[in-house]
Amino acid sequence: MIRTILLLLLCVSSPTYAAGIKSFTSDGCSAFPDGTLDQQNLWLQCCIEHDKAYWKGGTYQQRIDADERLRTCVADVGKPLIAELMLAGVRVGGSPYLPAQFRWGYGWPYLRGYQALTEEEKAQITALESK
């Protein structure tokens, strides 16, 4: 039984299992407000751009870079303290190993982890972005 489960997990986590990336979706700032009470969408675009990076996936460094761009974007709209809070949240909650819809690489099948995108995968992403 354990051998069967391990074999199944190996198949699911194998890069060859990833047939393709799903279409991009965004839930805005996930479990965080999209802005202030007065400006309800103040940093929403920052979160959508962050979601695009998380959807695509890639290496651990690409995730760090995406998280830093989110922090900078929110700080640039005048909310540096909120930016730091959001950075802490995505660093904790954005792991590719969490079974959450907002995890790193969420466009790909679960358990992809951190890995560089192949040229074929980049082409899939470009095709979906141009739709």
Protein backbone atom coordinates (compact mmCIF):
# COMPACT_ATOMS: atom_id res chain seq x y z
CA MET A 1 0.00 0.00 0.00
CA ILE A 2 2.73 2.48 0.97
CA ARG A 3 4.67 1.56 -2.16
CA THR A 4 1.62 2.35 -4.30
CA ILE A 5 1.14 5.74 -2.62
CA LEU A 6 4.82 6.60 -3.08
CA LEU A 7 4.66 5.61 -6.75
CA LEU A 8 1.56 7.74 -7.24
CA LEU A 9 3.23 10.73 -5.57
CA LEU A 10 6.29 10.28 -7.76
CA CYS A 11 4.15 10.27 -10.89
CA VAL A 12 2.20 13.33 -9.82
CA SER A 13 5.31 15.31 -8.92
CA SER A 14 7.25 14.40 -12.04
CA PRO A 15 7.84 17.29 -14.49
CA THR A 16 6.67 15.04 -17.32
CA TYR A 17 3.24 14.95 -15.67
CA ALA A 18 2.77 18.67 -16.28
CA ALA A 19 0.84 18.55 -19.54
CA GLY A 20 0.25 22.27 -19.61
CA ILE A 21 -0.52 25.42 -17.74
CA LYS A 22 -4.09 26.41 -16.95
CA SER A 23 -5.44 29.79 -18.05
CA PHE A 24 -4.53 32.71 -15.81
CA THR A 25 -6.89 33.60 -12.99
CA SER A 26 -6.60 36.09 -10.19
CA ASP A 27 -8.50 36.57 -6.96
CA GLY A 28 -6.93 39.95 -6.39
CA CYS A 29 -5.07 40.07 -3.10
CA SER A 30 -6.33 36.63 -2.02
CA ALA A 31 -7.23 36.74 1.68
CA PHE A 32 -6.06 40.35 2.00
CA PRO A 33 -7.97 43.55 1.14
CA ASP A 34 -7.41 45.00 -2.35
CA GLY A 35 -7.09 48.50 -0.90
CA THR A 36 -8.20 50.83 1.87
CA LEU A 37 -11.75 51.70 2.88
CA ASP A 38 -11.46 54.98 0.94
CA GLN A 39 -9.61 53.52 -2.06
CA GLN A 40 -10.85 49.95 -2.25
CA ASN A 41 -8.64 48.94 -5.21
CA LEU A 42 -5.53 50.94 -4.28
CA TRP A 43 -3.02 48.09 -4.61
CA LEU A 44 -5.17 45.60 -6.54
CA GLN A 45 -3.07 45.92 -9.71
CA CYS A 46 0.02 45.08 -7.65
CA CYS A 47 -1.65 41.85 -6.54
CA ILE A 48 -2.77 40.94 -10.06
CA GLU A 49 0.78 41.34 -11.35
CA HIS A 50 2.00 39.23 -8.42
CA ASP A 51 -0.62 36.60 -9.25
CA LYS A 52 0.68 36.49 -12.84
CA ALA A 53 4.16 35.72 -11.58
CA TYR A 54 2.83 33.07 -9.19
CA TRP A 55 0.68 31.55 -11.94
CA LYS A 56 3.70 31.12 -14.21
CA GLY A 57 5.93 29.67 -11.53
CA GLY A 58 9.64 29.16 -12.03
CA THR A 59 12.64 29.14 -9.77
CA TYR A 60 12.89 30.07 -6.11
CA GLN A 61 14.73 33.27 -7.08
CA GLN A 62 11.90 34.23 -9.43
CA ARG A 63 9.51 33.87 -6.52
CA ILE A 64 11.69 36.07 -4.30
CA ASP A 65 11.80 38.66 -7.12
CA ALA A 66 8.00 38.53 -7.58
CA ASP A 67 7.44 39.01 -3.86
CA GLU A 68 9.83 41.97 -3.82
CA ARG A 69 8.03 43.56 -6.80
CA LEU A 70 4.76 43.24 -4.86
CA ARG A 71 6.32 44.92 -1.83
CA THR A 72 7.73 47.74 -3.96
CA CYS A 73 4.48 48.26 -5.86
CA VAL A 74 2.37 48.56 -2.70
CA ALA A 75 4.95 50.86 -1.10
CA ASP A 76 4.91 53.00 -4.25
CA VAL A 77 1.16 53.61 -3.90
CA GLY A 78 1.93 55.14 -0.52
CA LYS A 79 1.50 52.19 1.83
CA PRO A 80 4.97 51.02 2.94
CA LEU A 81 3.72 49.40 6.16
CA ILE A 82 1.02 47.48 4.30
CA ALA A 83 3.71 46.47 1.77
CA GLU A 84 5.82 44.90 4.53
CA LEU A 85 2.80 43.08 5.94
CA MET A 86 1.91 41.74 2.50
CA LEU A 87 5.49 40.64 1.89
CA ALA A 88 5.44 38.65 5.13
CA GLY A 89 2.15 37.05 4.11
CA VAL A 90 3.28 35.93 0.66
CA ARG A 91 6.57 34.64 2.01
CA VAL A 92 4.70 32.41 4.45
CA GLY A 93 1.68 31.48 2.34
CA GLY A 94 3.04 31.30 -1.21
CA SER A 95 5.04 28.08 -1.01
CA PRO A 96 4.60 25.79 -4.02
CA TYR A 97 4.11 22.89 -1.61
CA LEU A 98 0.94 24.21 0.03
CA PRO A 99 -2.26 22.86 -1.52
CA ALA A 100 -3.60 26.39 -2.00
CA GLN A 101 -4.87 28.03 -5.17
CA PHE A 102 -2.53 31.00 -4.57
CA ARG A 103 0.69 28.96 -4.26
CA TRP A 104 3.78 29.58 -6.39
CA GLY A 105 3.25 28.01 -9.80
CA TYR A 106 -0.49 27.55 -9.30
CA GLY A 107 -1.09 27.44 -13.05
CA TRP A 108 0.73 24.11 -13.19
CA PRO A 109 -0.31 20.80 -11.62
CA TYR A 110 0.24 20.55 -7.88
CA LEU A 111 3.67 19.53 -6.58
CA ARG A 112 5.61 21.10 -9.45
CA GLY A 113 7.78 22.94 -6.94
CA TYR A 114 10.47 25.36 -8.03
CA GLN A 115 11.89 24.78 -11.48
CA ALA A 116 12.95 26.88 -14.40
CA LEU A 117 10.44 27.13 -17.20
CA THR A 118 11.35 25.33 -20.39
CA GLU A 119 11.12 27.07 -23.77
CA GLU A 120 7.99 25.02 -24.50
CA GLU A 121 6.40 26.13 -21.22
CA LYS A 122 7.30 29.75 -21.92
CA ALA A 123 5.60 29.40 -25.30
CA GLN A 124 2.45 28.02 -23.62
CA ILE A 125 2.42 31.01 -21.26
CA THR A 126 2.90 33.48 -24.11
CA ALA A 127 0.05 31.87 -26.05
CA LEU A 128 -2.30 32.12 -23.06
CA GLU A 129 -1.27 35.71 -22.33
CA SER A 130 -2.07 36.76 -25.90
CA LYS A 131 -5.65 35.45 -25.76
